[in-house]
Amino acid sequence: MSTRILLGLAVGLLAGAALSGRSSSALDLLSAIAAPVGQLWLDALTMTVVPLVFGLLVTGVGSATSSAKAGGVAARAMLWFVILLVAACALSAVLTTTILAWTPIPAGSLALRAPNSGPPVLAATGAWFSGIIPANPVKAAAEMSMAPLVVFALFFGFAASRIEAHLRALLTTFFEAVVATMLLIVHWVLLAGPIGVMALGFGVGAKMGLGAAGTLVHYVLVVAAACLAVTLSAYALSALIGRISPLAFAKAALPVQVVALGTQSSLACLPAMITATGALRTSPGAAEVVLPLSVSIFRAASAAANIAVAVYLAHLHGVVLSPATLMIGVLVAAAVSLAAVGLPAQVSFFATVGPVCLAMGVPLDALPVLLAVETIPDVFRTLGNVTTDLAVARIVGRPRDGAAAIGDENECAEPAR
């Protein structure tokens, strides 16, 4: 499906570029057809965001809470997941902002902007927390106010995990059904993806010509850089907190990373990750708990990439992001990523990036075009995800007793005094 969507984008861009700059009835007719078709396809995707995100958060919080109650190892792993997700998103927000300050989005990218994008707007300092607790959750959902909606969903999910078992089971079944229904709708919409993206690509190509390709390449490089930064951070974490040398960690991670590059699936890397725990010298049984849990719900590089996409689109649309707005985006990206369990890459792209953009006041109009080239950044997402999974496995499963630590003498560095 991703290949067909990418092909649709290429055809649309080339067709639009071929007719760009020409005053012809053919261009006017095709533009009049392409614009509403592309907008309808975008609206069809957008209509699933609120119920899908709310359902994912409620079921995800319940699942995470149950896992944490299962044992101390799982609880420690969940704590590290939350900390590292927020840290990865914050790193990505700062890095992406810095990169775009040094290498701005290529000139001529205005065609990717939303039609009604106004001048840059900066939220008033201190006003970001206003309404973060929704007085009316239904109104927040209707207005797609994602930050207060996420807060309500988190409260709802935690509360639901503490009610009577039979009532909790009913709620879980209901929201699992909502998520499954929304995913089926998204699947139907993505089947028409080549047509929708072709229509959107035609409009972009007609306005930008082949310069659109340069913007897309720039975008891919920026998002890949955010993912690589998280990947490199995993080496530092494993050395500083996991107390294993970067070289030893790199040797253990390399076979897993090769599988990740070939499959673009964290789940497919699980057997290789379990095998790598021998070289990581984790405590017996720890990795067997941490790694399946991390493959399911911990995607640090994906969360970092999501905030990078939102920051990129903010710069594209001229939305000035205050530190408070960036913080809102970081927290929403971390929460939504933790809940997006097992979604296909194309589905998770819109379901996880969309809420972040909405929370930061960034238009979604360019997301379908970026979705078409997501296959390339997805390689770096998976690479970063599996590397951070291994780092957490080492951190949580690091031998604590003196006897077990003897075997790590040559691998682990003494902490700085």
Protein backbone atom coordinates (compact mmCIF):
# COMPACT_ATOMS: atom_id res chain seq x y z
CA MET A 1 0.00 0.00 0.00
CA SER A 2 2.85 2.41 0.87
CA THR A 3 4.38 1.85 -2.58
CA ARG A 4 1.10 2.70 -4.31
CA ILE A 5 0.66 5.85 -2.23
CA LEU A 6 4.23 6.95 -2.99
CA LEU A 7 3.60 6.25 -6.69
CA GLY A 8 0.40 8.30 -6.52
CA LEU A 9 2.34 11.21 -5.05
CA ALA A 10 5.00 10.97 -7.75
CA VAL A 11 2.40 10.91 -10.54
CA GLY A 12 0.51 13.85 -9.03
CA LEU A 13 3.66 15.94 -8.52
CA LEU A 14 4.97 15.25 -12.01
CA ALA A 15 1.62 15.97 -13.66
CA GLY A 16 1.20 19.17 -11.70
CA ALA A 17 4.79 20.23 -12.42
CA ALA A 18 4.33 19.56 -16.13
CA LEU A 19 1.39 21.98 -16.24
CA SER A 20 2.69 24.50 -13.71
CA GLY A 21 3.16 28.04 -14.91
CA ARG A 22 0.91 27.48 -17.89
CA SER A 23 -2.40 29.19 -18.30
CA SER A 24 -4.58 26.50 -19.77
CA SER A 25 -8.08 25.22 -19.47
CA ALA A 26 -6.69 21.73 -18.79
CA LEU A 27 -4.82 22.97 -15.72
CA ASP A 28 -7.87 24.84 -14.46
CA LEU A 29 -10.12 21.81 -14.96
CA LEU A 30 -7.74 19.34 -13.32
CA SER A 31 -7.14 21.71 -10.40
CA ALA A 32 -10.89 22.14 -9.92
CA ILE A 33 -11.23 18.34 -9.71
CA ALA A 34 -8.10 17.58 -7.69
CA ALA A 35 -8.63 20.14 -4.91
CA PRO A 36 -11.97 18.81 -3.59
CA VAL A 37 -10.92 15.17 -4.07
CA GLY A 38 -7.77 15.73 -2.01
CA GLN A 39 -9.66 17.67 0.66
CA LEU A 40 -12.35 14.98 0.95
CA TRP A 41 -9.67 12.31 1.41
CA LEU A 42 -7.97 14.41 4.11
CA ASP A 43 -11.30 14.96 5.88
CA ALA A 44 -12.00 11.21 5.79
CA LEU A 45 -8.71 10.58 7.59
CA THR A 46 -9.22 13.41 10.05
CA MET A 47 -12.68 12.25 11.13
CA THR A 48 -11.17 9.16 12.79
CA VAL A 49 -8.59 11.02 14.91
CA VAL A 50 -10.67 11.86 18.00
CA PRO A 51 -12.37 8.48 18.60
CA LEU A 52 -9.21 6.57 17.63
CA VAL A 53 -6.90 8.54 19.92
CA PHE A 54 -9.33 8.49 22.84
CA GLY A 55 -9.91 4.75 22.49
CA LEU A 56 -6.19 4.06 22.16
CA LEU A 57 -5.37 6.09 25.27
CA VAL A 58 -8.04 4.46 27.42
CA THR A 59 -7.11 0.90 26.41
CA GLY A 60 -3.38 1.70 26.41
CA VAL A 61 -3.43 3.12 29.94
CA GLY A 62 -5.37 0.10 31.14
CA SER A 63 -2.92 -2.29 29.55
CA ALA A 64 0.10 -0.42 30.90
CA THR A 65 -1.37 -0.30 34.40
CA SER A 66 -2.03 -4.04 34.35
CA SER A 67 1.52 -4.72 33.16
CA ALA A 68 2.99 -2.54 35.90
CA LYS A 69 0.99 -4.42 38.52
CA ALA A 70 2.36 -7.73 37.23
CA GLY A 71 5.77 -7.28 38.85
CA GLY A 72 8.61 -5.03 39.88
CA VAL A 73 10.57 -5.46 36.64
CA ALA A 74 7.56 -4.41 34.55
CA ALA A 75 6.87 -1.44 36.84
CA ARG A 76 10.48 -0.23 36.57
CA ALA A 77 10.36 -0.69 32.81
CA MET A 78 7.14 1.34 32.56
CA LEU A 79 8.71 4.15 34.58
CA TRP A 80 11.71 4.23 32.23
CA PHE A 81 9.41 4.15 29.20
CA VAL A 82 7.61 7.30 30.37
CA ILE A 83 10.81 9.13 31.29
CA LEU A 84 12.60 8.28 28.05
CA LEU A 85 9.60 9.01 25.85
CA VAL A 86 9.33 12.53 27.26
CA ALA A 87 13.11 12.98 27.05
CA ALA A 88 13.22 11.75 23.43
CA CYS A 89 10.40 14.08 22.40
CA ALA A 90 12.05 17.03 24.15
CA LEU A 91 15.38 16.25 22.46
CA SER A 92 13.64 16.05 19.09
CA ALA A 93 11.78 19.34 19.62
CA VAL A 94 15.00 21.19 20.46
CA LEU A 95 17.03 19.50 17.72
CA THR A 96 14.43 20.02 14.99
CA THR A 97 13.97 23.67 15.93
CA THR A 98 17.74 24.15 15.82
CA ILE A 99 18.14 22.40 12.47
CA LEU A 100 15.37 24.46 10.90
CA ALA A 101 16.99 27.63 12.23
CA TRP A 102 20.26 26.64 10.54
CA THR A 103 18.77 25.15 7.38
CA PRO A 104 15.31 26.64 6.80
CA ILE A 105 12.66 24.92 4.74
CA PRO A 106 13.48 25.47 1.04
CA ALA A 107 11.98 28.51 -0.63
CA GLY A 108 8.92 27.85 -2.71
CA SER A 109 7.33 25.45 -0.23
CA LEU A 110 4.31 27.71 0.27
CA ALA A 111 2.16 25.38 -1.83
CA LEU A 112 2.22 22.87 1.02
CA ARG A 113 0.66 25.38 3.37
CA ALA A 114 -2.95 25.20 4.43
CA PRO A 115 -5.11 27.54 2.31
CA ASN A 116 -6.21 29.58 5.34
CA SER A 117 -2.84 29.76 7.11
CA GLY A 118 -2.48 33.21 8.56
CA PRO A 119 0.57 35.12 9.78
CA PRO A 120 2.72 33.66 12.55
CA VAL A 121 0.97 33.54 15.88
CA LEU A 122 2.66 33.23 19.28
CA ALA A 123 0.60 32.19 22.27
CA ALA A 124 0.75 34.50 25.25
CA THR A 125 3.27 33.45 27.87
CA GLY A 126 1.58 31.66 30.75
CA ALA A 127 -1.69 31.13 28.84
CA TRP A 128 -0.81 27.66 27.58
CA PHE A 129 -2.31 25.89 30.63
CA SER A 130 -5.67 27.63 30.24
CA GLY A 131 -8.25 24.96 29.53
CA ILE A 132 -5.82 22.05 29.85
CA ILE A 133 -8.41 20.43 32.13
CA PRO A 134 -11.54 20.35 29.95
CA ALA A 135 -14.64 21.66 31.68
CA ASN A 136 -16.61 19.98 28.88
CA PRO A 137 -14.82 16.94 27.36
CA VAL A 138 -17.49 16.60 24.69
CA LYS A 139 -16.85 20.16 23.55
CA ALA A 140 -13.10 19.51 23.53
CA ALA A 141 -13.67 16.47 21.31
CA ALA A 142 -16.01 18.37 18.99
CA GLU A 143 -13.46 21.18 18.59
CA MET A 144 -10.58 18.69 18.28
CA SER A 145 -8.78 20.34 21.22
CA MET A 146 -6.31 17.51 21.62
CA ALA A 147 -4.34 18.59 24.70
CA PRO A 148 -7.38 18.73 27.06
CA LEU A 149 -8.84 15.65 25.37
CA VAL A 150 -5.65 13.67 26.02
CA VAL A 151 -5.67 14.80 29.66
CA PHE A 152 -9.28 13.64 30.05
CA ALA A 153 -8.52 10.32 28.32
CA LEU A 154 -5.60 9.70 30.70
CA PHE A 155 -7.79 10.41 33.75
CA PHE A 156 -10.53 8.22 32.29
CA GLY A 157 -8.10 5.36 31.57
CA PHE A 158 -6.50 5.43 35.03
CA ALA A 159 -9.91 5.58 36.71
CA ALA A 160 -11.24 2.74 34.56
CA SER A 161 -8.30 0.54 35.61
CA ARG A 162 -9.41 0.83 39.24
CA ILE A 163 -13.12 0.04 39.05
CA GLU A 164 -14.67 -3.39 39.54
CA ALA A 165 -13.34 -6.08 37.22
CA HIS A 166 -16.59 -6.81 35.38
CA LEU A 167 -17.23 -3.12 34.73
CA ARG A 168 -13.63 -2.60 33.63
CA ALA A 169 -13.97 -5.50 31.21
CA LEU A 170 -17.09 -3.95 29.68
CA LEU A 171 -15.37 -0.59 29.19
CA THR A 172 -12.26 -2.21 27.75
CA THR A 173 -14.30 -4.27 25.31
CA PHE A 174 -16.24 -1.19 24.21
CA PHE A 175 -13.17 0.94 23.53
CA GLU A 176 -11.34 -1.94 21.88
CA ALA A 177 -14.33 -2.21 19.55
CA VAL A 178 -14.21 1.55 18.89
CA VAL A 179 -10.49 1.34 18.05
CA ALA A 180 -11.04 -1.68 15.78
CA THR A 181 -13.86 0.12 13.98
CA MET A 182 -11.81 3.28 13.47
CA LEU A 183 -8.87 1.24 12.18
CA LEU A 184 -11.14 -0.43 9.65
CA ILE A 185 -12.35 2.98 8.46
CA VAL A 186 -8.75 4.17 8.18
CA HIS A 187 -7.93 1.05 6.20
CA TRP A 188 -10.76 1.85 3.78
CA VAL A 189 -9.57 5.45 3.47
CA LEU A 190 -5.98 4.32 2.83
CA LEU A 191 -7.21 2.05 0.04
CA ALA A 192 -8.12 5.26 -1.76
CA GLY A 193 -4.79 6.74 -0.69
CA PRO A 194 -3.15 6.72 -4.13
CA ILE A 195 -6.04 8.77 -5.54
CA GLY A 196 -6.19 11.18 -2.60
CA VAL A 197 -2.44 11.73 -2.48
CA MET A 198 -2.29 12.05 -6.27
CA ALA A 199 -4.91 14.80 -6.09
CA LEU A 200 -3.05 16.60 -3.32
CA GLY A 201 0.28 16.09 -5.09
CA PHE A 202 -1.12 17.55 -8.30
CA GLY A 203 -2.04 20.77 -6.50
CA VAL A 204 1.41 20.98 -4.90
CA GLY A 205 3.19 20.23 -8.19
CA ALA A 206 1.12 22.80 -10.06
CA LYS A 207 2.09 25.53 -7.58
CA MET A 208 5.68 24.50 -6.79
CA GLY A 209 6.85 22.56 -9.84
CA LEU A 210 9.65 20.11 -9.16
CA GLY A 211 10.74 22.26 -6.22
CA ALA A 212 8.32 20.17 -4.14
CA ALA A 213 10.75 17.27 -4.35
CA GLY A 214 13.44 19.38 -2.69
CA THR A 215 11.13 20.22 0.21
CA LEU A 216 10.24 16.55 0.69
CA VAL A 217 13.92 15.54 0.70
CA HIS A 218 14.63 18.27 3.27
CA TYR A 219 11.75 16.99 5.40
CA VAL A 220 12.99 13.38 5.27
CA LEU A 221 16.51 14.45 6.31
CA VAL A 222 15.22 16.47 9.27
CA VAL A 223 13.02 13.65 10.61
CA ALA A 224 15.79 11.09 10.06
CA ALA A 225 18.16 13.32 12.04
CA ALA A 226 15.73 13.36 14.98
CA CYS A 227 15.51 9.55 14.94
CA LEU A 228 19.30 9.17 14.70
CA ALA A 229 19.73 11.51 17.68
CA VAL A 230 17.54 9.21 19.77
CA THR A 231 19.49 6.19 18.52
CA LEU A 232 22.80 7.73 19.57
CA SER A 233 21.31 8.72 22.92
CA ALA A 234 20.59 5.04 23.60
CA TYR A 235 24.34 4.35 23.51
CA ALA A 236 24.97 7.11 26.04
CA LEU A 237 22.19 5.89 28.33
CA SER A 238 23.42 2.30 28.25
CA ALA A 239 26.90 3.50 29.22
CA LEU A 240 25.92 6.03 31.90
CA ILE A 241 23.00 4.22 33.52
CA GLY A 242 23.30 0.66 32.23
CA ARG A 243 27.07 0.68 32.98
CA ILE A 244 28.10 -1.20 29.86
CA SER A 245 30.74 0.08 27.48
CA PRO A 246 29.46 1.68 24.26
CA LEU A 247 31.50 -0.83 22.23
CA ALA A 248 29.95 -3.82 24.00
CA PHE A 249 26.48 -2.33 23.58
CA ALA A 250 27.15 -1.63 19.89
CA LYS A 251 28.26 -5.23 19.29
CA ALA A 252 25.12 -6.56 20.96
CA ALA A 253 22.83 -4.13 19.13
CA LEU A 254 24.29 -4.53 15.63
CA PRO A 255 22.54 -7.83 14.68
CA VAL A 256 19.23 -6.41 15.90
CA GLN A 257 19.74 -3.20 13.94
CA VAL A 258 20.43 -5.18 10.76
CA VAL A 259 17.10 -6.99 11.20
CA ALA A 260 15.38 -3.65 11.88
CA LEU A 261 16.73 -2.12 8.67
CA GLY A 262 15.54 -5.12 6.69
CA THR A 263 12.08 -5.55 8.21
CA GLN A 264 11.12 -2.06 9.49
CA SER A 265 9.28 -3.88 12.27
CA SER A 266 10.17 -3.83 15.96
CA LEU A 267 8.07 -6.94 16.52
CA ALA A 268 10.06 -8.86 13.90
CA CYS A 269 13.24 -7.88 15.79
CA LEU A 270 12.07 -9.40 19.09
CA PRO A 271 13.78 -12.81 18.64
CA ALA A 272 17.05 -11.08 17.74
CA MET A 273 16.70 -8.78 20.76
CA ILE A 274 16.16 -11.72 23.11
CA THR A 275 19.30 -13.32 21.69
CA ALA A 276 21.25 -10.07 22.18
CA THR A 277 20.56 -10.05 25.93
CA GLY A 278 23.32 -12.61 26.37
CA ALA A 279 25.86 -10.06 25.18
CA LEU A 280 24.14 -7.34 27.23
CA ARG A 281 24.49 -9.52 30.36
CA THR A 282 21.08 -8.74 31.81
CA SER A 283 19.73 -10.42 34.92
CA PRO A 284 18.00 -13.76 34.27
CA GLY A 285 14.37 -13.25 33.29
CA ALA A 286 14.50 -9.45 33.17
CA ALA A 287 14.84 -9.07 29.41
CA GLU A 288 12.11 -11.65 28.83
CA VAL A 289 9.72 -9.27 30.60
CA VAL A 290 11.07 -5.92 29.41
CA LEU A 291 11.56 -6.58 25.70
CA PRO A 292 8.07 -7.88 24.79
CA LEU A 293 6.61 -4.96 26.77
CA SER A 294 8.90 -2.44 25.07
CA VAL A 295 8.17 -3.78 21.58
CA SER A 296 4.47 -3.31 22.28
CA ILE A 297 4.31 0.16 23.79
CA PHE A 298 7.75 1.83 23.88
CA ARG A 299 8.68 3.63 20.66
CA ALA A 300 11.05 6.42 21.58
CA ALA A 301 12.28 7.18 18.07
CA SER A 302 8.75 7.14 16.66
CA ALA A 303 7.59 9.61 19.31
CA ALA A 304 10.61 11.80 18.57
CA ALA A 305 9.84 11.65 14.85
CA ASN A 306 6.22 12.64 15.49
CA ILE A 307 7.20 15.81 17.33
CA ALA A 308 9.77 16.52 14.58
CA VAL A 309 7.00 16.32 11.96
CA ALA A 310 4.81 18.69 13.97
CA VAL A 311 7.65 21.21 14.45
CA TYR A 312 8.49 20.97 10.73
CA LEU A 313 4.88 21.68 9.77
CA ALA A 314 4.76 24.57 12.25
CA HIS A 315 7.74 26.16 10.49
CA LEU A 316 6.17 25.41 7.12
CA HIS A 317 2.92 27.16 8.09
CA GLY A 318 4.62 30.03 9.91
CA VAL A 319 3.31 29.01 13.34
CA VAL A 320 5.68 30.39 15.97
CA LEU A 321 6.10 27.88 18.77
CA SER A 322 6.62 29.17 22.29
CA PRO A 323 8.45 26.95 24.82
CA ALA A 324 5.10 26.25 26.47
CA THR A 325 3.56 25.15 23.16
CA LEU A 326 6.53 22.89 22.51
CA MET A 327 6.10 21.39 25.98
CA ILE A 328 2.43 20.69 25.25
CA GLY A 329 3.46 18.97 22.01
CA VAL A 330 6.13 16.91 23.78
CA LEU A 331 3.70 15.63 26.42
CA VAL A 332 0.96 14.85 23.90
CA ALA A 333 3.44 13.08 21.60
CA ALA A 334 4.70 10.93 24.49
CA ALA A 335 1.21 10.05 25.71
CA VAL A 336 -0.20 9.22 22.28
CA SER A 337 2.88 7.19 21.33
CA LEU A 338 2.59 5.12 24.52
CA ALA A 339 -1.00 4.28 23.61
CA ALA A 340 -0.52 3.53 19.90
CA VAL A 341 0.01 -0.20 20.34
CA GLY A 342 0.56 -2.33 17.25
CA LEU A 343 -0.79 0.08 14.66
CA PRO A 344 0.47 -0.24 11.08
CA ALA A 345 3.01 2.45 10.14
CA GLN A 346 0.70 4.43 7.86
CA VAL A 347 -2.19 4.31 10.33
CA SER A 348 -0.01 5.26 13.30
CA PHE A 349 1.53 8.15 11.34
CA PHE A 350 -1.73 10.04 11.10
CA ALA A 351 -3.12 8.82 14.44
CA THR A 352 -0.03 9.91 16.39
CA VAL A 353 1.15 12.99 14.46
CA GLY A 354 -2.34 14.46 14.00
CA PRO A 355 -3.06 14.96 17.73
CA VAL A 356 0.37 16.55 18.27
CA CYS A 357 -0.22 19.03 15.45
CA LEU A 358 -3.69 19.86 16.71
CA ALA A 359 -2.40 20.36 20.26
CA MET A 360 0.24 22.78 18.96
CA GLY A 361 -2.15 24.67 16.67
CA VAL A 362 -0.52 23.37 13.48
CA PRO A 363 -2.70 22.67 10.38
CA LEU A 364 -2.92 19.07 9.14
CA ASP A 365 -3.29 19.79 5.42
CA ALA A 366 0.24 18.74 4.43
CA LEU A 367 0.22 15.49 6.42
CA PRO A 368 -1.09 13.28 3.58
CA VAL A 369 1.73 14.42 1.30
CA LEU A 370 4.28 13.62 4.02
CA LEU A 371 2.54 10.29 4.61
CA ALA A 372 3.44 9.30 1.06
CA VAL A 373 7.18 9.54 1.81
CA GLU A 374 6.96 8.08 5.31
CA THR A 375 8.51 4.80 4.10
CA ILE A 376 11.98 6.38 4.28
CA PRO A 377 11.83 7.92 7.79
CA ASP A 378 10.16 4.71 9.00
CA VAL A 379 13.49 2.89 8.56
CA PHE A 380 15.12 5.31 11.03
CA ARG A 381 12.13 5.12 13.37
CA THR A 382 12.51 1.34 13.66
CA LEU A 383 16.28 1.59 14.05
CA GLY A 384 15.91 4.00 16.95
CA ASN A 385 13.06 2.05 18.54
CA VAL A 386 14.94 -1.27 18.77
CA THR A 387 18.14 0.41 19.98
CA THR A 388 16.34 2.17 22.83
CA ASP A 389 14.50 -1.08 23.62
CA LEU A 390 17.87 -2.77 24.16
CA ALA A 391 19.11 0.16 26.25
CA VAL A 392 16.10 -0.10 28.58
CA ALA A 393 16.56 -3.88 28.80
CA ARG A 394 20.14 -3.33 29.96
CA ILE A 395 19.18 -0.52 32.37
CA VAL A 396 16.31 -2.42 34.00
CA GLY A 397 18.06 -5.81 33.84
CA ARG A 398 21.53 -4.67 34.91
CA PRO A 399 22.92 -7.11 37.54
CA ARG A 400 22.67 -5.51 40.97
CA ASP A 401 24.48 -7.95 43.25
CA GLY A 402 28.25 -8.10 43.59
CA ALA A 403 28.58 -11.66 42.30
CA ALA A 404 26.72 -10.94 39.09
CA ALA A 405 28.55 -7.68 38.60
CA ILE A 406 31.94 -9.42 38.56
CA GLY A 407 31.29 -10.61 35.03
CA ASP A 408 30.74 -7.01 33.99
CA GLU A 409 34.03 -5.67 35.27
CA ASN A 410 35.50 -5.39 31.80
CA GLU A 411 32.26 -4.14 30.27
CA CYS A 412 31.09 -1.53 32.71
CA ALA A 413 32.73 1.72 33.59
CA GLU A 414 32.84 2.98 37.15
CA PRO A 415 30.64 6.02 37.64
CA ALA A 416 32.39 9.37 37.75
CA ARG A 417 33.09 10.65 41.23
